[in-house]
Amino acid sequence: MATGMPLASVKGEIFEAVLHFLPDWVQITVLALVVLAVVASWVIKLKRKLAYRRAVRQGVPVHVAAQYGQGRGADYLGAYAPQQAPPAGGAGRQESGADFLGAYAPQQRQGNGSA
């Protein structure tokens, strides 16, 4: 790299050198296929994004790993993922954001359900 050329330029030069030795009809075909592949990847990405937005707008539950632009390693573990421990407060109780607020959580009213 003594010439000071950026890597993208070197890769472009190699690509052009390989295409230079091919006949014109092959060069045009290769370039058209490269452009087609780039456009197809954009179309697929756009379709997935639109499908995700439609699902969210319609209230369809979307799996965490299927959400656009998200996903964690644990989402792909399947049967090997660690099991969720049951909440300490009760077997049927669901955790909410207030469970993690500590002293800042709103106080729950104790009563028989009448207001």
Protein backbone atom coordinates (compact mmCIF):
# COMPACT_ATOMS: atom_id res chain seq x y z
CA MET A 1 0.00 0.00 0.00
CA ALA A 2 2.90 2.31 -0.70
CA THR A 3 0.86 4.09 -3.39
CA GLY A 4 -1.53 5.55 -0.80
CA MET A 5 -4.60 4.26 -2.64
CA PRO A 6 -7.67 3.57 -0.49
CA LEU A 7 -8.85 -0.05 -0.33
CA ALA A 8 -12.11 0.69 -2.15
CA SER A 9 -10.11 2.05 -5.07
CA VAL A 10 -7.86 -1.03 -5.14
CA LYS A 11 -10.90 -3.33 -5.18
CA GLY A 12 -12.41 -1.26 -7.97
CA GLU A 13 -9.20 -1.45 -9.96
CA ILE A 14 -9.10 -5.25 -9.59
CA PHE A 15 -12.75 -5.52 -10.67
CA GLU A 16 -12.10 -3.32 -13.72
CA ALA A 17 -8.95 -5.28 -14.62
CA VAL A 18 -10.86 -8.57 -14.57
CA LEU A 19 -13.69 -7.10 -16.65
CA HIS A 20 -11.19 -5.60 -19.11
CA PHE A 21 -10.13 -9.06 -20.33
CA LEU A 22 -13.71 -10.18 -20.99
CA PRO A 23 -15.68 -9.52 -24.18
CA ASP A 24 -18.00 -6.50 -24.20
CA TRP A 25 -21.20 -8.55 -24.01
CA VAL A 26 -19.90 -10.34 -20.88
CA GLN A 27 -18.87 -7.03 -19.29
CA ILE A 28 -22.33 -5.57 -19.83
CA THR A 29 -24.00 -8.74 -18.51
CA VAL A 30 -21.84 -8.81 -15.36
CA LEU A 31 -22.43 -5.14 -14.64
CA ALA A 32 -26.18 -5.56 -15.20
CA LEU A 33 -26.26 -8.53 -12.81
CA VAL A 34 -24.41 -6.54 -10.14
CA VAL A 35 -26.86 -3.66 -10.48
CA LEU A 36 -29.79 -6.09 -10.42
CA ALA A 37 -28.48 -7.71 -7.22
CA VAL A 38 -28.15 -4.34 -5.49
CA VAL A 39 -31.63 -3.21 -6.54
CA ALA A 40 -33.14 -6.57 -5.53
CA SER A 41 -31.59 -6.32 -2.06
CA TRP A 42 -33.08 -2.82 -1.65
CA VAL A 43 -36.52 -4.08 -2.75
CA ILE A 44 -36.41 -7.02 -0.34
CA LYS A 45 -35.33 -4.77 2.53
CA LEU A 46 -38.12 -2.30 1.72
CA LYS A 47 -40.74 -5.08 1.52
CA ARG A 48 -39.71 -6.43 4.93
CA LYS A 49 -39.81 -2.98 6.47
CA LEU A 50 -43.28 -2.30 5.06
CA ALA A 51 -44.59 -5.71 6.20
CA TYR A 52 -43.30 -5.04 9.72
CA ARG A 53 -44.92 -1.61 9.83
CA ARG A 54 -48.25 -3.02 8.60
CA ALA A 55 -48.15 -5.76 11.24
CA VAL A 56 -47.44 -3.26 14.01
CA ARG A 57 -50.17 -0.89 12.77
CA GLN A 58 -52.75 -3.71 12.66
CA GLY A 59 -51.82 -4.93 16.12
CA VAL A 60 -50.54 -8.30 14.96
CA PRO A 61 -48.09 -9.72 17.49
CA VAL A 62 -44.60 -9.80 16.00
CA HIS A 63 -41.94 -12.15 17.32
CA VAL A 64 -39.03 -10.26 18.87
CA ALA A 65 -36.50 -11.78 16.48
CA ALA A 66 -38.73 -10.88 13.52
CA GLN A 67 -39.02 -7.21 14.38
CA TYR A 68 -37.31 -4.97 11.90
CA GLY A 69 -33.81 -3.99 12.94
CA GLN A 70 -33.89 -5.91 16.20
CA GLY A 71 -32.98 -9.29 17.53
CA ARG A 72 -30.61 -10.57 20.17
CA GLY A 73 -28.49 -13.67 20.38
CA ALA A 74 -30.86 -15.26 22.89
CA ASP A 75 -33.69 -15.00 20.34
CA TYR A 76 -32.00 -17.60 18.15
CA LEU A 77 -31.19 -20.16 20.86
CA GLY A 78 -34.56 -21.89 20.68
CA ALA A 79 -34.68 -24.87 23.05
CA TYR A 80 -31.22 -23.98 24.36
CA ALA A 81 -32.31 -20.58 25.71
CA PRO A 82 -32.29 -20.25 29.52
CA GLN A 83 -35.73 -20.69 31.06
CA GLN A 84 -37.44 -17.69 32.64
CA ALA A 85 -37.66 -17.99 36.43
CA PRO A 86 -41.18 -17.56 37.88
CA PRO A 87 -41.74 -14.21 39.63
CA ALA A 88 -41.11 -14.22 43.37
CA GLY A 89 -44.41 -12.44 44.23
CA GLY A 90 -46.73 -15.17 42.98
CA ALA A 91 -47.13 -17.87 40.40
CA GLY A 92 -49.66 -16.06 38.18
CA ARG A 93 -48.39 -12.52 38.59
CA GLN A 94 -47.02 -10.66 35.59
CA GLU A 95 -44.08 -8.29 36.03
CA SER A 96 -44.51 -4.71 34.95
CA GLY A 97 -42.35 -1.62 34.78
CA ALA A 98 -43.35 -0.68 38.33
CA ASP A 99 -41.70 -3.87 39.63
CA PHE A 100 -38.31 -2.37 38.85
CA LEU A 101 -38.90 1.14 40.18
CA GLY A 102 -38.17 0.31 43.80
CA ALA A 103 -38.94 3.21 46.16
CA TYR A 104 -40.20 5.30 43.23
CA ALA A 105 -43.01 2.88 42.35
CA PRO A 106 -46.57 4.09 43.04
CA GLN A 107 -48.02 2.58 46.20
CA GLN A 108 -50.62 -0.11 45.58
CA ARG A 109 -53.93 0.25 47.36
CA GLN A 110 -54.99 -2.62 49.56
CA GLY A 111 -58.74 -3.14 49.58
CA ASN A 112 -61.64 -5.30 48.56
CA GLY A 113 -61.89 -3.83 45.06
CA SER A 114 -64.58 -1.19 45.75
CA ALA A 115 -63.72 2.39 45.00
